Amino acid sequence: ERLLRASGLEWTILRPSMIHGPDGEFMQMVKGWALGR
């Protein structure tokens, strides 16, 4: 982020919390736990 701020470009920074979705690594991991796999 610091490098971007100093770049001279017109910037926007997005800071997401935990990102979820059906094909995300986290949800796939929870599925493996929940199914005992």
PDB file of all heavy atoms in Angstrom:
ATOM      1  N   GLU A   1       0.836  -1.205   0.000  1.00  0.00           N
ATOM      2  CA  GLU A   1       0.000   0.000   0.000  1.00  0.00           C
ATOM      3  C   GLU A   1       0.874   1.260   0.000  1.00  0.00           C
ATOM      4  O   GLU A   1       0.581   2.242  -0.696  1.00  0.00           O
ATOM      5  CB  GLU A   1      -0.908   0.014   1.225  1.00  0.00           C
ATOM      6  CG  GLU A   1      -1.980  -1.047   1.264  1.00  0.00           C
ATOM      7  CD  GLU A   1      -2.849  -0.910   2.508  1.00  0.00           C
ATOM      8  OE1 GLU A   1      -2.706   0.107   3.219  1.00  0.00           O
ATOM      9  OE2 GLU A   1      -3.668  -1.812   2.772  1.00  0.00           O
ATOM     10  N   ARG A   2       1.923   1.245   0.803  1.00  0.00           N
ATOM     11  CA  ARG A   2       2.801   2.417   0.908  1.00  0.00           C
ATOM     12  C   ARG A   2       3.448   2.736  -0.441  1.00  0.00           C
ATOM     13  O   ARG A   2       3.545   3.905  -0.841  1.00  0.00           O
ATOM     14  CB  ARG A   2       3.871   2.170   1.966  1.00  0.00           C
ATOM     15  CG  ARG A   2       4.695   3.400   2.318  1.00  0.00           C
ATOM     16  CD  ARG A   2       5.876   3.040   3.190  1.00  0.00           C
ATOM     17  NE  ARG A   2       6.838   2.210   2.485  1.00  0.00           N
ATOM     18  CZ  ARG A   2       7.721   2.687   1.596  1.00  0.00           C
ATOM     19  NH1 ARG A   2       7.751   3.978   1.309  1.00  0.00           N
ATOM     20  NH2 ARG A   2       8.563   1.864   1.001  1.00  0.00           N
ATOM     21  N   LEU A   3       3.886   1.707  -1.142  1.00  0.00           N
ATOM     22  CA  LEU A   3       4.467   1.911  -2.464  1.00  0.00           C
ATOM     23  C   LEU A   3       3.441   2.518  -3.414  1.00  0.00           C
ATOM     24  O   LEU A   3       3.771   3.396  -4.229  1.00  0.00           O
ATOM     25  CB  LEU A   3       4.984   0.585  -3.017  1.00  0.00           C
ATOM     26  CG  LEU A   3       6.178  -0.048  -2.297  1.00  0.00           C
ATOM     27  CD1 LEU A   3       6.447  -1.431  -2.864  1.00  0.00           C
ATOM     28  CD2 LEU A   3       7.412   0.828  -2.406  1.00  0.00           C
ATOM     29  N   LEU A   4       2.212   2.059  -3.344  1.00  0.00           N
ATOM     30  CA  LEU A   4       1.157   2.586  -4.214  1.00  0.00           C
ATOM     31  C   LEU A   4       0.889   4.055  -3.929  1.00  0.00           C
ATOM     32  O   LEU A   4       0.754   4.871  -4.854  1.00  0.00           O
ATOM     33  CB  LEU A   4      -0.126   1.759  -4.015  1.00  0.00           C
ATOM     34  CG  LEU A   4      -1.363   2.240  -4.773  1.00  0.00           C
ATOM     35  CD1 LEU A   4      -1.110   2.272  -6.275  1.00  0.00           C
ATOM     36  CD2 LEU A   4      -2.563   1.346  -4.448  1.00  0.00           C
ATOM     37  N   ARG A   5       0.828   4.422  -2.662  1.00  0.00           N
ATOM     38  CA  ARG A   5       0.559   5.816  -2.303  1.00  0.00           C
ATOM     39  C   ARG A   5       1.625   6.759  -2.871  1.00  0.00           C
ATOM     40  O   ARG A   5       1.337   7.916  -3.195  1.00  0.00           O
ATOM     41  CB  ARG A   5       0.523   5.959  -0.775  1.00  0.00           C
ATOM     42  CG  ARG A   5      -0.663   5.288  -0.091  1.00  0.00           C
ATOM     43  CD  ARG A   5      -0.434   5.284   1.413  1.00  0.00           C
ATOM     44  NE  ARG A   5      -1.400   4.522   2.153  1.00  0.00           N
ATOM     45  CZ  ARG A   5      -2.469   5.024   2.760  1.00  0.00           C
ATOM     46  NH1 ARG A   5      -2.712   6.323   2.688  1.00  0.00           N
ATOM     47  NH2 ARG A   5      -3.299   4.245   3.429  1.00  0.00           N
ATOM     48  N   ALA A   6       2.857   6.262  -2.974  1.00  0.00           N
ATOM     49  CA  ALA A   6       3.963   7.093  -3.447  1.00  0.00           C
ATOM     50  C   ALA A   6       4.157   7.022  -4.955  1.00  0.00           C
ATOM     51  O   ALA A   6       5.085   7.634  -5.488  1.00  0.00           O
ATOM     52  CB  ALA A   6       5.254   6.670  -2.740  1.00  0.00           C
ATOM     53  N   SER A   7       3.294   6.320  -5.664  1.00  0.00           N
ATOM     54  CA  SER A   7       3.515   6.026  -7.083  1.00  0.00           C
ATOM     55  C   SER A   7       3.150   7.156  -8.032  1.00  0.00           C
ATOM     56  O   SER A   7       3.589   7.179  -9.178  1.00  0.00           O
ATOM     57  CB  SER A   7       2.708   4.788  -7.482  1.00  0.00           C
ATOM     58  OG  SER A   7       1.307   5.073  -7.438  1.00  0.00           O
ATOM     59  N   GLY A   8       2.314   8.084  -7.588  1.00  0.00           N
ATOM     60  CA  GLY A   8       1.819   9.122  -8.484  1.00  0.00           C
ATOM     61  C   GLY A   8       0.558   8.733  -9.230  1.00  0.00           C
ATOM     62  O   GLY A   8      -0.046   9.568  -9.921  1.00  0.00           O
ATOM     63  N   LEU A   9       0.128   7.474  -9.107  1.00  0.00           N
ATOM     64  CA  LEU A   9      -1.127   7.031  -9.731  1.00  0.00           C
ATOM     65  C   LEU A   9      -2.319   7.458  -8.885  1.00  0.00           C
ATOM     66  O   LEU A   9      -2.183   7.768  -7.693  1.00  0.00           O
ATOM     67  CB  LEU A   9      -1.124   5.504  -9.877  1.00  0.00           C
ATOM     68  CG  LEU A   9      -0.069   4.914 -10.811  1.00  0.00           C
ATOM     69  CD1 LEU A   9      -0.010   3.404 -10.637  1.00  0.00           C
ATOM     70  CD2 LEU A   9      -0.373   5.265 -12.258  1.00  0.00           C
ATOM     71  N   GLU A  10      -3.480   7.476  -9.491  1.00  0.00           N
ATOM     72  CA  GLU A  10      -4.725   7.731  -8.754  1.00  0.00           C
ATOM     73  C   GLU A  10      -5.187   6.397  -8.181  1.00  0.00           C
ATOM     74  O   GLU A  10      -5.617   5.516  -8.913  1.00  0.00           O
ATOM     75  CB  GLU A  10      -5.781   8.328  -9.688  1.00  0.00           C
ATOM     76  CG  GLU A  10      -5.391   9.689 -10.234  1.00  0.00           C
ATOM     77  CD  GLU A  10      -6.401  10.227 -11.229  1.00  0.00           C
ATOM     78  OE1 GLU A  10      -7.281   9.439 -11.676  1.00  0.00           O
ATOM     79  OE2 GLU A  10      -6.325  11.411 -11.580  1.00  0.00           O
ATOM     80  N   TRP A  11      -5.082   6.243  -6.873  1.00  0.00           N
ATOM     81  CA  TRP A  11      -5.255   4.937  -6.258  1.00  0.00           C
ATOM     82  C   TRP A  11      -6.487   4.859  -5.364  1.00  0.00           C
ATOM     83  O   TRP A  11      -6.976   5.857  -4.830  1.00  0.00           O
ATOM     84  CB  TRP A  11      -4.019   4.557  -5.448  1.00  0.00           C
ATOM     85  CG  TRP A  11      -3.589   5.562  -4.421  1.00  0.00           C
ATOM     86  CD1 TRP A  11      -2.655   6.545  -4.574  1.00  0.00           C
ATOM     87  CD2 TRP A  11      -4.098   5.701  -3.083  1.00  0.00           C
ATOM     88  NE1 TRP A  11      -2.530   7.286  -3.420  1.00  0.00           N
ATOM     89  CE2 TRP A  11      -3.402   6.786  -2.485  1.00  0.00           C
ATOM     90  CE3 TRP A  11      -5.059   5.021  -2.341  1.00  0.00           C
ATOM     91  CZ2 TRP A  11      -3.648   7.204  -1.174  1.00  0.00           C
ATOM     92  CZ3 TRP A  11      -5.316   5.436  -1.026  1.00  0.00           C
ATOM     93  CH2 TRP A  11      -4.615   6.510  -0.461  1.00  0.00           C
ATOM     94  N   THR A  12      -6.939   3.611  -5.192  1.00  0.00           N
ATOM     95  CA  THR A  12      -7.951   3.257  -4.209  1.00  0.00           C
ATOM     96  C   THR A  12      -7.508   1.951  -3.570  1.00  0.00           C
ATOM     97  O   THR A  12      -7.088   1.031  -4.268  1.00  0.00           O
ATOM     98  CB  THR A  12      -9.338   3.059  -4.858  1.00  0.00           C
ATOM     99  OG1 THR A  12      -9.721   4.258  -5.535  1.00  0.00           O
ATOM    100  CG2 THR A  12     -10.394   2.718  -3.797  1.00  0.00           C
ATOM    101  N   ILE A  13      -7.597   1.879  -2.251  1.00  0.00           N
ATOM    102  CA  ILE A  13      -7.206   0.672  -1.532  1.00  0.00           C
ATOM    103  C   ILE A  13      -8.427   0.052  -0.875  1.00  0.00           C
ATOM    104  O   ILE A  13      -9.165   0.733  -0.150  1.00  0.00           O
ATOM    105  CB  ILE A  13      -6.134   0.989  -0.469  1.00  0.00           C
ATOM    106  CG1 ILE A  13      -4.843   1.466  -1.146  1.00  0.00           C
ATOM    107  CG2 ILE A  13      -5.863  -0.232   0.408  1.00  0.00           C
ATOM    108  CD1 ILE A  13      -3.814   2.028  -0.181  1.00  0.00           C
ATOM    109  N   LEU A  14      -8.653  -1.215  -1.155  1.00  0.00           N
ATOM    110  CA  LEU A  14      -9.735  -1.973  -0.535  1.00  0.00           C
ATOM    111  C   LEU A  14      -9.128  -2.896   0.523  1.00  0.00           C
ATOM    112  O   LEU A  14      -8.178  -3.625   0.230  1.00  0.00           O
ATOM    113  CB  LEU A  14     -10.484  -2.806  -1.575  1.00  0.00           C
ATOM    114  CG  LEU A  14     -11.013  -2.061  -2.800  1.00  0.00           C
ATOM    115  CD1 LEU A  14     -11.685  -3.048  -3.758  1.00  0.00           C
ATOM    116  CD2 LEU A  14     -11.983  -0.958  -2.405  1.00  0.00           C
ATOM    117  N   ARG A  15      -9.681  -2.861   1.729  1.00  0.00           N
ATOM    118  CA  ARG A  15      -9.182  -3.714   2.809  1.00  0.00           C
ATOM    119  C   ARG A  15     -10.304  -4.644   3.286  1.00  0.00           C
ATOM    120  O   ARG A  15     -11.006  -4.352   4.255  1.00  0.00           O
ATOM    121  CB  ARG A  15      -8.676  -2.872   3.978  1.00  0.00           C
ATOM    122  CG  ARG A  15      -7.374  -2.138   3.709  1.00  0.00           C
ATOM    123  CD  ARG A  15      -6.945  -1.371   4.938  1.00  0.00           C
ATOM    124  NE  ARG A  15      -5.651  -0.719   4.763  1.00  0.00           N
ATOM    125  CZ  ARG A  15      -5.144   0.153   5.629  1.00  0.00           C
ATOM    126  NH1 ARG A  15      -5.829   0.473   6.723  1.00  0.00           N
ATOM    127  NH2 ARG A  15      -3.959   0.706   5.415  1.00  0.00           N
ATOM    128  N   PRO A  16     -10.482  -5.772   2.619  1.00  0.00           N
ATOM    129  CA  PRO A  16     -11.545  -6.690   3.014  1.00  0.00           C
ATOM    130  C   PRO A  16     -11.200  -7.483   4.266  1.00  0.00           C
ATOM    131  O   PRO A  16     -10.034  -7.746   4.567  1.00  0.00           O
ATOM    132  CB  PRO A  16     -11.687  -7.614   1.807  1.00  0.00           C
ATOM    133  CG  PRO A  16     -10.372  -7.533   1.113  1.00  0.00           C
ATOM    134  CD  PRO A  16      -9.805  -6.178   1.391  1.00  0.00           C
ATOM    135  N   SER A  17     -12.256  -7.845   4.996  1.00  0.00           N
ATOM    136  CA  SER A  17     -12.131  -8.804   6.088  1.00  0.00           C
ATOM    137  C   SER A  17     -12.061 -10.195   5.458  1.00  0.00           C
ATOM    138  O   SER A  17     -11.696 -10.339   4.290  1.00  0.00           O
ATOM    139  CB  SER A  17     -13.322  -8.679   7.035  1.00  0.00           C
ATOM    140  OG  SER A  17     -14.535  -8.944   6.337  1.00  0.00           O
ATOM    141  N   MET A  18     -12.405 -11.225   6.191  1.00  0.00           N
ATOM    142  CA  MET A  18     -12.425 -12.568   5.615  1.00  0.00           C
ATOM    143  C   MET A  18     -13.383 -12.604   4.423  1.00  0.00           C
ATOM    144  O   MET A  18     -14.540 -12.209   4.531  1.00  0.00           O
ATOM    145  CB  MET A  18     -12.871 -13.580   6.665  1.00  0.00           C
ATOM    146  CG  MET A  18     -12.968 -15.006   6.133  1.00  0.00           C
ATOM    147  SD  MET A  18     -13.688 -16.111   7.345  1.00  0.00           S
ATOM    148  CE  MET A  18     -12.413 -16.059   8.608  1.00  0.00           C
ATOM    149  N   ILE A  19     -12.884 -13.064   3.274  1.00  0.00           N
ATOM    150  CA  ILE A  19     -13.693 -13.103   2.056  1.00  0.00           C
ATOM    151  C   ILE A  19     -14.265 -14.501   1.889  1.00  0.00           C
ATOM    152  O   ILE A  19     -13.545 -15.490   1.973  1.00  0.00           O
ATOM    153  CB  ILE A  19     -12.841 -12.732   0.832  1.00  0.00           C
ATOM    154  CG1 ILE A  19     -12.177 -11.367   1.029  1.00  0.00           C
ATOM    155  CG2 ILE A  19     -13.703 -12.720  -0.430  1.00  0.00           C
ATOM    156  CD1 ILE A  19     -11.197 -11.002  -0.067  1.00  0.00           C
ATOM    157  N   HIS A  20     -15.567 -14.576   1.650  1.00  0.00           N
ATOM    158  CA  HIS A  20     -16.195 -15.889   1.500  1.00  0.00           C
ATOM    159  C   HIS A  20     -16.898 -16.022   0.154  1.00  0.00           C
ATOM    160  O   HIS A  20     -17.330 -15.033  -0.448  1.00  0.00           O
ATOM    161  CB  HIS A  20     -17.184 -16.156   2.643  1.00  0.00           C
ATOM    162  CG  HIS A  20     -18.439 -15.324   2.590  1.00  0.00           C
ATOM    163  ND1 HIS A  20     -19.588 -15.745   1.952  1.00  0.00           N
ATOM    164  CD2 HIS A  20     -18.732 -14.109   3.123  1.00  0.00           C
ATOM    165  CE1 HIS A  20     -20.530 -14.823   2.087  1.00  0.00           C
ATOM    166  NE2 HIS A  20     -20.037 -13.819   2.787  1.00  0.00           N
ATOM    167  N   GLY A  21     -16.985 -17.247  -0.296  1.00  0.00           N
ATOM    168  CA  GLY A  21     -17.653 -17.591  -1.542  1.00  0.00           C
ATOM    169  C   GLY A  21     -17.550 -19.087  -1.743  1.00  0.00           C
ATOM    170  O   GLY A  21     -16.703 -19.749  -1.126  1.00  0.00           O
ATOM    171  N   PRO A  22     -18.367 -19.673  -2.584  1.00  0.00           N
ATOM    172  CA  PRO A  22     -18.425 -21.134  -2.705  1.00  0.00           C
ATOM    173  C   PRO A  22     -17.134 -21.770  -3.189  1.00  0.00           C
ATOM    174  O   PRO A  22     -16.835 -22.918  -2.844  1.00  0.00           O
ATOM    175  CB  PRO A  22     -19.564 -21.368  -3.707  1.00  0.00           C
ATOM    176  CG  PRO A  22     -19.682 -20.089  -4.458  1.00  0.00           C
ATOM    177  CD  PRO A  22     -19.336 -19.011  -3.479  1.00  0.00           C
ATOM    178  N   ASP A  23     -16.347 -21.056  -3.999  1.00  0.00           N
ATOM    179  CA  ASP A  23     -15.126 -21.632  -4.540  1.00  0.00           C
ATOM    180  C   ASP A  23     -13.876 -21.110  -3.845  1.00  0.00           C
ATOM    181  O   ASP A  23     -12.769 -21.298  -4.325  1.00  0.00           O
ATOM    182  CB  ASP A  23     -15.032 -21.389  -6.048  1.00  0.00           C
ATOM    183  CG  ASP A  23     -15.370 -19.954  -6.441  1.00  0.00           C
ATOM    184  OD1 ASP A  23     -15.921 -19.217  -5.611  1.00  0.00           O
ATOM    185  OD2 ASP A  23     -15.101 -19.570  -7.593  1.00  0.00           O
ATOM    186  N   GLY A  24     -14.063 -20.462  -2.684  1.00  0.00           N
ATOM    187  CA  GLY A  24     -12.932 -19.955  -1.934  1.00  0.00           C
ATOM    188  C   GLY A  24     -12.251 -21.042  -1.129  1.00  0.00           C
ATOM    189  O   GLY A  24     -12.865 -22.035  -0.727  1.00  0.00           O
ATOM    190  N   GLU A  25     -10.962 -20.844  -0.866  1.00  0.00           N
ATOM    191  CA  GLU A  25     -10.177 -21.838  -0.138  1.00  0.00           C
ATOM    192  C   GLU A  25     -10.738 -22.078   1.260  1.00  0.00           C
ATOM    193  O   GLU A  25     -10.779 -23.213   1.735  1.00  0.00           O
ATOM    194  CB  GLU A  25      -8.725 -21.376  -0.042  1.00  0.00           C
ATOM    195  CG  GLU A  25      -7.802 -22.349   0.660  1.00  0.00           C
ATOM    196  CD  GLU A  25      -6.381 -21.853   0.748  1.00  0.00           C
ATOM    197  OE1 GLU A  25      -6.091 -20.753   0.224  1.00  0.00           O
ATOM    198  OE2 GLU A  25      -5.544 -22.552   1.351  1.00  0.00           O
ATOM    199  N   PHE A  26     -11.196 -21.013   1.923  1.00  0.00           N
ATOM    200  CA  PHE A  26     -11.694 -21.172   3.287  1.00  0.00           C
ATOM    201  C   PHE A  26     -12.931 -22.060   3.333  1.00  0.00           C
ATOM    202  O   PHE A  26     -13.028 -22.981   4.150  1.00  0.00           O
ATOM    203  CB  PHE A  26     -12.009 -19.808   3.905  1.00  0.00           C
ATOM    204  CG  PHE A  26     -12.623 -19.904   5.271  1.00  0.00           C
ATOM    205  CD1 PHE A  26     -11.855 -20.282   6.367  1.00  0.00           C
ATOM    206  CD2 PHE A  26     -13.974 -19.643   5.471  1.00  0.00           C
ATOM    207  CE1 PHE A  26     -12.423 -20.389   7.636  1.00  0.00           C
ATOM    208  CE2 PHE A  26     -14.544 -19.745   6.726  1.00  0.00           C
ATOM    209  CZ  PHE A  26     -13.764 -20.120   7.814  1.00  0.00           C
ATOM    210  N   MET A  27     -13.884 -21.809   2.450  1.00  0.00           N
ATOM    211  CA  MET A  27     -15.101 -22.614   2.451  1.00  0.00           C
ATOM    212  C   MET A  27     -14.812 -24.065   2.075  1.00  0.00           C
ATOM    213  O   MET A  27     -15.425 -24.992   2.620  1.00  0.00           O
ATOM    214  CB  MET A  27     -16.139 -22.017   1.499  1.00  0.00           C
ATOM    215  CG  MET A  27     -16.837 -20.789   2.060  1.00  0.00           C
ATOM    216  SD  MET A  27     -17.790 -21.195   3.541  1.00  0.00           S
ATOM    217  CE  MET A  27     -18.315 -19.556   4.062  1.00  0.00           C
ATOM    218  N   GLN A  28     -13.871 -24.272   1.174  1.00  0.00           N
ATOM    219  CA  GLN A  28     -13.498 -25.636   0.821  1.00  0.00           C
ATOM    220  C   GLN A  28     -12.864 -26.350   2.021  1.00  0.00           C
ATOM    221  O   GLN A  28     -13.099 -27.547   2.247  1.00  0.00           O
ATOM    222  CB  GLN A  28     -12.511 -25.615  -0.350  1.00  0.00           C
ATOM    223  CG  GLN A  28     -13.091 -25.073  -1.649  1.00  0.00           C
ATOM    224  CD  GLN A  28     -14.202 -25.934  -2.219  1.00  0.00           C
ATOM    225  OE1 GLN A  28     -14.168 -27.157  -2.103  1.00  0.00           O
ATOM    226  NE2 GLN A  28     -15.194 -25.301  -2.827  1.00  0.00           N
ATOM    227  N   MET A  29     -12.097 -25.608   2.803  1.00  0.00           N
ATOM    228  CA  MET A  29     -11.468 -26.190   3.980  1.00  0.00           C
ATOM    229  C   MET A  29     -12.508 -26.554   5.040  1.00  0.00           C
ATOM    230  O   MET A  29     -12.462 -27.645   5.619  1.00  0.00           O
ATOM    231  CB  MET A  29     -10.452 -25.199   4.561  1.00  0.00           C
ATOM    232  CG  MET A  29      -9.672 -25.711   5.752  1.00  0.00           C
ATOM    233  SD  MET A  29      -8.270 -24.627   6.166  1.00  0.00           S
ATOM    234  CE  MET A  29      -9.131 -23.069   6.490  1.00  0.00           C
ATOM    235  N   VAL A  30     -13.467 -25.655   5.272  1.00  0.00           N
ATOM    236  CA  VAL A  30     -14.518 -25.938   6.253  1.00  0.00           C
ATOM    237  C   VAL A  30     -15.351 -27.135   5.810  1.00  0.00           C
ATOM    238  O   VAL A  30     -15.755 -27.967   6.628  1.00  0.00           O
ATOM    239  CB  VAL A  30     -15.413 -24.698   6.478  1.00  0.00           C
ATOM    240  CG1 VAL A  30     -16.553 -25.033   7.437  1.00  0.00           C
ATOM    241  CG2 VAL A  30     -14.595 -23.539   7.039  1.00  0.00           C
ATOM    242  N   LYS A  31     -15.608 -27.243   4.521  1.00  0.00           N
ATOM    243  CA  LYS A  31     -16.351 -28.394   4.014  1.00  0.00           C
ATOM    244  C   LYS A  31     -15.612 -29.690   4.333  1.00  0.00           C
ATOM    245  O   LYS A  31     -16.224 -30.681   4.769  1.00  0.00           O
ATOM    246  CB  LYS A  31     -16.556 -28.271   2.496  1.00  0.00           C
ATOM    247  CG  LYS A  31     -17.297 -29.455   1.884  1.00  0.00           C
ATOM    248  CD  LYS A  31     -17.470 -29.278   0.380  1.00  0.00           C
ATOM    249  CE  LYS A  31     -18.197 -30.463  -0.226  1.00  0.00           C
ATOM    250  NZ  LYS A  31     -18.411 -30.291  -1.687  1.00  0.00           N
ATOM    251  N   GLY A  32     -14.303 -29.707   4.132  1.00  0.00           N
ATOM    252  CA  GLY A  32     -13.516 -30.897   4.438  1.00  0.00           C
ATOM    253  C   GLY A  32     -13.616 -31.280   5.899  1.00  0.00           C
ATOM    254  O   GLY A  32     -13.738 -32.459   6.251  1.00  0.00           O
ATOM    255  N   TRP A  33     -13.601 -30.291   6.793  1.00  0.00           N
ATOM    256  CA  TRP A  33     -13.753 -30.567   8.226  1.00  0.00           C
ATOM    257  C   TRP A  33     -15.153 -31.081   8.545  1.00  0.00           C
ATOM    258  O   TRP A  33     -15.322 -32.057   9.257  1.00  0.00           O
ATOM    259  CB  TRP A  33     -13.489 -29.299   9.034  1.00  0.00           C
ATOM    260  CG  TRP A  33     -12.088 -28.810   9.010  1.00  0.00           C
ATOM    261  CD1 TRP A  33     -10.956 -29.535   8.800  1.00  0.00           C
ATOM    262  CD2 TRP A  33     -11.670 -27.458   9.223  1.00  0.00           C
ATOM    263  NE1 TRP A  33      -9.847 -28.724   8.872  1.00  0.00           N
ATOM    264  CE2 TRP A  33     -10.254 -27.445   9.137  1.00  0.00           C
ATOM    265  CE3 TRP A  33     -12.331 -26.258   9.474  1.00  0.00           C
ATOM    266  CZ2 TRP A  33      -9.502 -26.274   9.301  1.00  0.00           C
ATOM    267  CZ3 TRP A  33     -11.592 -25.098   9.641  1.00  0.00           C
ATOM    268  CH2 TRP A  33     -10.200 -25.120   9.551  1.00  0.00           C
ATOM    269  N   ALA A  34     -16.162 -30.373   8.010  1.00  0.00           N
ATOM    270  CA  ALA A  34     -17.550 -30.688   8.353  1.00  0.00           C
ATOM    271  C   ALA A  34     -17.965 -32.072   7.870  1.00  0.00           C
ATOM    272  O   ALA A  34     -18.827 -32.722   8.479  1.00  0.00           O
ATOM    273  CB  ALA A  34     -18.490 -29.628   7.779  1.00  0.00           C
ATOM    274  N   LEU A  35     -17.370 -32.531   6.776  1.00  0.00           N
ATOM    275  CA  LEU A  35     -17.673 -33.862   6.259  1.00  0.00           C
ATOM    276  C   LEU A  35     -16.711 -34.922   6.793  1.00  0.00           C
ATOM    277  O   LEU A  35     -16.812 -36.093   6.421  1.00  0.00           O
ATOM    278  CB  LEU A  35     -17.642 -33.861   4.735  1.00  0.00           C
ATOM    279  CG  LEU A  35     -18.956 -33.491   4.026  1.00  0.00           C
ATOM    280  CD1 LEU A  35     -19.407 -32.078   4.360  1.00  0.00           C
ATOM    281  CD2 LEU A  35     -18.816 -33.648   2.514  1.00  0.00           C
ATOM    282  N   GLY A  36     -15.783 -34.513   7.645  1.00  0.00           N
ATOM    283  CA  GLY A  36     -14.833 -35.451   8.218  1.00  0.00           C
ATOM    284  C   GLY A  36     -13.783 -35.949   7.255  1.00  0.00           C
ATOM    285  O   GLY A  36     -13.111 -36.948   7.513  1.00  0.00           O
ATOM    286  N   ARG A  37     -13.606 -35.241   6.139  1.00  0.00           N
ATOM    287  CA  ARG A  37     -12.651 -35.694   5.123  1.00  0.00           C
ATOM    288  C   ARG A  37     -11.243 -35.173   5.361  1.00  0.00           C
ATOM    289  O   ARG A  37     -10.272 -35.707   4.831  1.00  0.00           O
ATOM    290  CB  ARG A  37     -13.123 -35.238   3.737  1.00  0.00           C
ATOM    291  CG  ARG A  37     -14.449 -35.847   3.298  1.00  0.00           C
ATOM    292  CD  ARG A  37     -14.907 -35.219   1.992  1.00  0.00           C
ATOM    293  NE  ARG A  37     -16.187 -35.787   1.545  1.00  0.00           N
ATOM    294  CZ  ARG A  37     -16.897 -35.283   0.543  1.00  0.00           C
ATOM    295  NH1 ARG A  37     -16.439 -34.220  -0.115  1.00  0.00           N
ATOM    296  NH2 ARG A  37     -18.044 -35.830   0.201  1.00  0.00           N
TER     297      ARG A  37
END
